[in-house]
Amino acid sequence: MQLKNQKRHIANPMDVVYVQMYVIRHKRNKMKKLTLILVLLFNLSILISCEPSEKNEDDDVETLTEWECGSHNGNTLYTGPQDGCYYNNSNGNKTYVDRSECSC
């Protein structure tokens, strides 16, 4: 309830604009923070889910440090990262042979 001799406060239009700009800026900053948090959570979930899996028998893929270098008794020979020469036996284990049998 206002008294008759009190004047009503009329807001300066510039004050209203300033408050509106402040609210918009505050909302933008809040959205930036939320977006950053979501991106970080997404990347973290990718890192957690990218654990090395067990090697399947079908995954006889050569790495950059191993390459084919001939054959030994019908088995493909590979040169390993430390210049060892081997083939994968029937159990899937590496069986090393003399380095002179590799052709690379």
N, C-alpha and C. Protein backbone atom coordinates (compact mmCIF):
# COMPACT_ATOMS: atom_id res chain seq x y z
N MET A 1 0.84 -1.18 0.00
CA MET A 1 0.00 0.00 0.00
C MET A 1 0.88 1.24 0.00
N GLN A 2 0.66 2.09 -0.94
CA GLN A 2 1.48 3.29 -1.07
C GLN A 2 0.78 4.49 -0.45
N LEU A 3 1.62 5.35 0.07
CA LEU A 3 1.07 6.61 0.58
C LEU A 3 0.90 7.57 -0.60
N LYS A 4 0.04 8.53 -0.45
CA LYS A 4 -0.26 9.43 -1.55
C LYS A 4 0.92 10.32 -1.90
N ASN A 5 1.75 10.68 -0.93
CA ASN A 5 2.82 11.60 -1.24
C ASN A 5 4.10 10.89 -1.74
N GLN A 6 4.11 9.58 -1.75
CA GLN A 6 5.27 8.86 -2.28
C GLN A 6 5.13 8.71 -3.79
N LYS A 7 6.25 8.88 -4.48
CA LYS A 7 6.23 8.72 -5.92
C LYS A 7 6.53 7.27 -6.26
N ARG A 8 5.93 6.85 -7.31
CA ARG A 8 6.23 5.51 -7.82
C ARG A 8 7.60 5.54 -8.48
N HIS A 9 8.34 4.45 -8.30
CA HIS A 9 9.65 4.36 -8.94
C HIS A 9 9.45 3.89 -10.38
N ILE A 10 9.88 4.68 -11.30
CA ILE A 10 9.81 4.33 -12.71
C ILE A 10 11.20 3.87 -13.10
N ALA A 11 11.29 2.64 -13.59
CA ALA A 11 12.58 2.06 -13.94
C ALA A 11 13.14 2.76 -15.17
N ASN A 12 14.43 3.00 -15.10
CA ASN A 12 15.14 3.57 -16.24
C ASN A 12 15.22 2.48 -17.32
N PRO A 13 14.86 2.80 -18.55
CA PRO A 13 14.91 1.79 -19.60
C PRO A 13 16.30 1.17 -19.76
N MET A 14 17.35 1.91 -19.50
CA MET A 14 18.70 1.37 -19.62
C MET A 14 18.96 0.34 -18.53
N ASP A 15 18.37 0.53 -17.34
CA ASP A 15 18.52 -0.46 -16.27
C ASP A 15 17.88 -1.78 -16.68
N VAL A 16 16.73 -1.69 -17.32
CA VAL A 16 16.02 -2.90 -17.76
C VAL A 16 16.86 -3.63 -18.80
N VAL A 17 17.43 -2.89 -19.73
CA VAL A 17 18.27 -3.49 -20.77
C VAL A 17 19.49 -4.14 -20.14
N TYR A 18 20.10 -3.46 -19.17
CA TYR A 18 21.28 -4.01 -18.50
C TYR A 18 20.94 -5.32 -17.80
N VAL A 19 19.81 -5.35 -17.12
CA VAL A 19 19.40 -6.57 -16.41
C VAL A 19 19.12 -7.69 -17.41
N GLN A 20 18.48 -7.37 -18.51
CA GLN A 20 18.19 -8.38 -19.52
C GLN A 20 19.49 -8.93 -20.11
N MET A 21 20.46 -8.06 -20.38
CA MET A 21 21.73 -8.51 -20.92
C MET A 21 22.48 -9.38 -19.91
N TYR A 22 22.39 -9.01 -18.63
CA TYR A 22 23.04 -9.79 -17.59
C TYR A 22 22.44 -11.19 -17.53
N VAL A 23 21.11 -11.27 -17.60
CA VAL A 23 20.43 -12.57 -17.54
C VAL A 23 20.81 -13.42 -18.74
N ILE A 24 20.85 -12.83 -19.93
CA ILE A 24 21.22 -13.56 -21.14
C ILE A 24 22.67 -14.06 -21.03
N ARG A 25 23.58 -13.19 -20.57
CA ARG A 25 24.98 -13.58 -20.43
C ARG A 25 25.13 -14.69 -19.39
N HIS A 26 24.38 -14.60 -18.32
CA HIS A 26 24.43 -15.62 -17.27
C HIS A 26 23.94 -16.97 -17.81
N LYS A 27 22.87 -16.94 -18.62
CA LYS A 27 22.35 -18.18 -19.21
C LYS A 27 23.35 -18.77 -20.18
N ARG A 28 24.03 -17.94 -20.98
CA ARG A 28 25.04 -18.43 -21.92
C ARG A 28 26.19 -19.10 -21.18
N ASN A 29 26.67 -18.47 -20.11
CA ASN A 29 27.76 -19.05 -19.34
C ASN A 29 27.34 -20.38 -18.73
N LYS A 30 26.12 -20.44 -18.27
CA LYS A 30 25.62 -21.68 -17.69
C LYS A 30 25.54 -22.77 -18.76
N MET A 31 25.10 -22.43 -19.96
CA MET A 31 25.03 -23.40 -21.05
C MET A 31 26.42 -23.85 -21.47
N LYS A 32 27.39 -22.92 -21.48
CA LYS A 32 28.76 -23.29 -21.82
C LYS A 32 29.31 -24.29 -20.80
N LYS A 33 29.05 -24.05 -19.53
CA LYS A 33 29.52 -24.97 -18.49
C LYS A 33 28.87 -26.33 -18.63
N LEU A 34 27.57 -26.35 -18.88
CA LEU A 34 26.86 -27.63 -19.05
C LEU A 34 27.38 -28.38 -20.27
N THR A 35 27.61 -27.67 -21.36
CA THR A 35 28.13 -28.29 -22.57
C THR A 35 29.51 -28.87 -22.31
N LEU A 36 30.37 -28.13 -21.63
CA LEU A 36 31.70 -28.61 -21.31
C LEU A 36 31.65 -29.86 -20.44
N ILE A 37 30.78 -29.85 -19.45
CA ILE A 37 30.63 -31.02 -18.58
C ILE A 37 30.16 -32.23 -19.37
N LEU A 38 29.19 -32.03 -20.27
CA LEU A 38 28.69 -33.15 -21.07
C LEU A 38 29.77 -33.70 -22.00
N VAL A 39 30.55 -32.82 -22.60
CA VAL A 39 31.64 -33.27 -23.49
C VAL A 39 32.68 -34.05 -22.69
N LEU A 40 33.04 -33.56 -21.51
CA LEU A 40 34.01 -34.26 -20.68
C LEU A 40 33.49 -35.63 -20.24
N LEU A 41 32.23 -35.71 -19.86
CA LEU A 41 31.65 -36.98 -19.46
C LEU A 41 31.61 -37.97 -20.63
N PHE A 42 31.29 -37.47 -21.81
CA PHE A 42 31.26 -38.32 -22.99
C PHE A 42 32.65 -38.88 -23.28
N ASN A 43 33.67 -38.00 -23.25
CA ASN A 43 35.04 -38.45 -23.51
C ASN A 43 35.51 -39.43 -22.44
N LEU A 44 35.13 -39.20 -21.20
CA LEU A 44 35.50 -40.11 -20.13
C LEU A 44 34.87 -41.47 -20.32
N SER A 45 33.62 -41.49 -20.77
CA SER A 45 32.94 -42.77 -21.01
C SER A 45 33.61 -43.53 -22.15
N ILE A 46 34.11 -42.82 -23.16
CA ILE A 46 34.81 -43.47 -24.26
C ILE A 46 36.12 -44.06 -23.76
N LEU A 47 36.85 -43.32 -22.93
CA LEU A 47 38.11 -43.82 -22.40
C LEU A 47 37.90 -45.07 -21.55
N ILE A 48 36.85 -45.07 -20.76
CA ILE A 48 36.58 -46.21 -19.90
C ILE A 48 36.18 -47.43 -20.72
N SER A 49 35.41 -47.22 -21.78
CA SER A 49 34.93 -48.34 -22.58
C SER A 49 35.97 -48.87 -23.55
N CYS A 50 37.09 -48.18 -23.72
CA CYS A 50 38.13 -48.59 -24.67
C CYS A 50 39.22 -49.40 -23.99
N GLU A 51 38.85 -50.31 -23.13
CA GLU A 51 39.84 -51.18 -22.52
C GLU A 51 40.23 -52.24 -23.54
N PRO A 52 41.48 -52.68 -23.49
CA PRO A 52 41.90 -53.70 -24.45
C PRO A 52 41.12 -54.99 -24.25
N SER A 53 40.70 -55.55 -25.35
CA SER A 53 39.93 -56.79 -25.29
C SER A 53 40.87 -57.97 -25.46
N GLU A 54 40.37 -59.15 -25.15
CA GLU A 54 41.17 -60.35 -25.32
C GLU A 54 41.36 -60.62 -26.81
N LYS A 55 42.50 -61.19 -27.15
CA LYS A 55 42.79 -61.47 -28.56
C LYS A 55 42.06 -62.73 -28.98
N ASN A 56 41.33 -62.65 -30.06
CA ASN A 56 40.64 -63.80 -30.62
C ASN A 56 41.62 -64.59 -31.49
N GLU A 57 41.32 -65.86 -31.73
CA GLU A 57 42.16 -66.67 -32.59
C GLU A 57 42.15 -66.17 -34.02
N ASP A 58 41.06 -65.51 -34.43
CA ASP A 58 40.94 -65.01 -35.79
C ASP A 58 41.71 -63.70 -36.00
N ASP A 59 42.25 -63.13 -34.93
CA ASP A 59 42.92 -61.83 -35.03
C ASP A 59 44.41 -62.01 -35.24
N ASP A 60 44.81 -62.59 -36.36
CA ASP A 60 46.22 -62.72 -36.70
C ASP A 60 46.66 -61.51 -37.52
N VAL A 61 46.49 -60.33 -36.93
CA VAL A 61 46.80 -59.09 -37.61
C VAL A 61 48.22 -58.69 -37.23
N GLU A 62 49.01 -58.34 -38.24
CA GLU A 62 50.38 -57.91 -37.99
C GLU A 62 50.37 -56.47 -37.51
N THR A 63 51.24 -56.19 -36.57
CA THR A 63 51.39 -54.81 -36.13
C THR A 63 52.46 -54.15 -36.98
N LEU A 64 52.71 -52.88 -36.75
CA LEU A 64 53.71 -52.16 -37.53
C LEU A 64 55.12 -52.68 -37.26
N THR A 65 55.32 -53.36 -36.13
CA THR A 65 56.65 -53.85 -35.79
C THR A 65 56.85 -55.31 -36.17
N GLU A 66 55.84 -55.95 -36.75
CA GLU A 66 55.93 -57.35 -37.14
C GLU A 66 55.50 -57.49 -38.60
N TRP A 67 56.23 -58.27 -39.39
CA TRP A 67 55.86 -58.46 -40.78
C TRP A 67 56.25 -59.86 -41.22
N GLU A 68 55.61 -60.29 -42.31
CA GLU A 68 55.86 -61.62 -42.85
C GLU A 68 57.25 -61.69 -43.47
N CYS A 69 57.92 -62.85 -43.23
CA CYS A 69 59.29 -62.99 -43.74
C CYS A 69 59.56 -64.38 -44.26
N GLY A 70 58.62 -65.01 -44.89
CA GLY A 70 58.87 -66.33 -45.46
C GLY A 70 58.01 -67.40 -44.81
N SER A 71 58.46 -68.66 -44.95
CA SER A 71 57.70 -69.77 -44.38
C SER A 71 58.65 -70.83 -43.84
N HIS A 72 58.13 -71.62 -42.91
CA HIS A 72 58.91 -72.69 -42.27
C HIS A 72 57.96 -73.87 -42.05
N ASN A 73 58.20 -74.98 -42.74
CA ASN A 73 57.34 -76.17 -42.64
C ASN A 73 55.86 -75.83 -42.86
N GLY A 74 55.58 -74.97 -43.81
CA GLY A 74 54.19 -74.63 -44.14
C GLY A 74 53.61 -73.53 -43.26
N ASN A 75 54.35 -73.02 -42.29
CA ASN A 75 53.89 -71.93 -41.42
C ASN A 75 54.52 -70.62 -41.86
N THR A 76 53.74 -69.56 -41.80
CA THR A 76 54.24 -68.23 -42.17
C THR A 76 55.17 -67.73 -41.08
N LEU A 77 56.35 -67.27 -41.49
CA LEU A 77 57.31 -66.71 -40.54
C LEU A 77 57.10 -65.21 -40.41
N TYR A 78 57.28 -64.71 -39.20
CA TYR A 78 57.15 -63.29 -38.90
C TYR A 78 58.42 -62.82 -38.23
N THR A 79 58.77 -61.56 -38.47
CA THR A 79 59.86 -60.92 -37.74
C THR A 79 59.23 -60.04 -36.69
N GLY A 80 59.65 -60.23 -35.44
CA GLY A 80 59.07 -59.49 -34.33
C GLY A 80 59.76 -58.16 -34.10
N PRO A 81 59.33 -57.44 -33.05
CA PRO A 81 59.85 -56.11 -32.77
C PRO A 81 61.34 -56.10 -32.40
N GLN A 82 61.88 -57.24 -31.94
CA GLN A 82 63.30 -57.30 -31.58
C GLN A 82 64.07 -58.18 -32.57
N ASP A 83 63.59 -58.24 -33.79
CA ASP A 83 64.20 -58.99 -34.89
C ASP A 83 64.23 -60.50 -34.68
N GLY A 84 63.36 -61.01 -33.84
CA GLY A 84 63.24 -62.46 -33.70
C GLY A 84 62.42 -63.01 -34.85
N CYS A 85 62.67 -64.26 -35.21
CA CYS A 85 61.94 -64.88 -36.32
C CYS A 85 61.09 -66.01 -35.73
N TYR A 86 59.79 -65.98 -35.98
CA TYR A 86 58.90 -66.95 -35.36
C TYR A 86 57.71 -67.25 -36.26
N TYR A 87 56.99 -68.31 -35.89
CA TYR A 87 55.69 -68.60 -36.50
C TYR A 87 54.73 -68.94 -35.38
N ASN A 88 53.44 -68.84 -35.67
CA ASN A 88 52.41 -69.17 -34.68
C ASN A 88 52.08 -70.65 -34.83
N ASN A 89 52.28 -71.41 -33.74
CA ASN A 89 52.02 -72.85 -33.81
C ASN A 89 50.53 -73.13 -33.68
N SER A 90 50.16 -74.40 -33.65
CA SER A 90 48.74 -74.79 -33.62
C SER A 90 48.03 -74.34 -32.34
N ASN A 91 48.79 -74.09 -31.28
CA ASN A 91 48.20 -73.60 -30.03
C ASN A 91 48.06 -72.08 -30.01
N GLY A 92 48.57 -71.43 -31.05
CA GLY A 92 48.51 -69.97 -31.11
C GLY A 92 49.70 -69.31 -30.45
N ASN A 93 50.66 -70.11 -29.98
CA ASN A 93 51.86 -69.55 -29.35
C ASN A 93 52.94 -69.30 -30.39
N LYS A 94 53.86 -68.41 -30.07
CA LYS A 94 54.97 -68.11 -30.97
C LYS A 94 56.05 -69.18 -30.79
N THR A 95 56.51 -69.73 -31.90
CA THR A 95 57.62 -70.67 -31.89
C THR A 95 58.75 -70.02 -32.68
N TYR A 96 59.85 -69.77 -31.99
CA TYR A 96 60.97 -69.07 -32.65
C TYR A 96 61.86 -70.04 -33.38
N VAL A 97 62.36 -69.59 -34.54
CA VAL A 97 63.27 -70.38 -35.36
C VAL A 97 64.54 -69.54 -35.57
N ASP A 98 65.53 -70.15 -36.18
CA ASP A 98 66.79 -69.44 -36.43
C ASP A 98 66.53 -68.26 -37.36
N ARG A 99 67.19 -67.16 -37.06
CA ARG A 99 66.99 -65.91 -37.82
C ARG A 99 67.35 -66.08 -39.29
N SER A 100 68.22 -67.01 -39.61
CA SER A 100 68.64 -67.21 -41.01
C SER A 100 67.51 -67.74 -41.87
N GLU A 101 66.45 -68.28 -41.25
CA GLU A 101 65.32 -68.81 -42.02
C GLU A 101 64.37 -67.72 -42.50
N CYS A 102 64.46 -66.55 -41.91
CA CYS A 102 63.63 -65.41 -42.35
C CYS A 102 64.29 -64.77 -43.56
N SER A 103 63.47 -64.39 -44.52
CA SER A 103 64.00 -63.83 -45.76
C SER A 103 64.02 -62.30 -45.76
N CYS A 104 63.71 -61.69 -44.67
CA CYS A 104 63.74 -60.21 -44.65
C CYS A 104 64.67 -59.69 -43.59
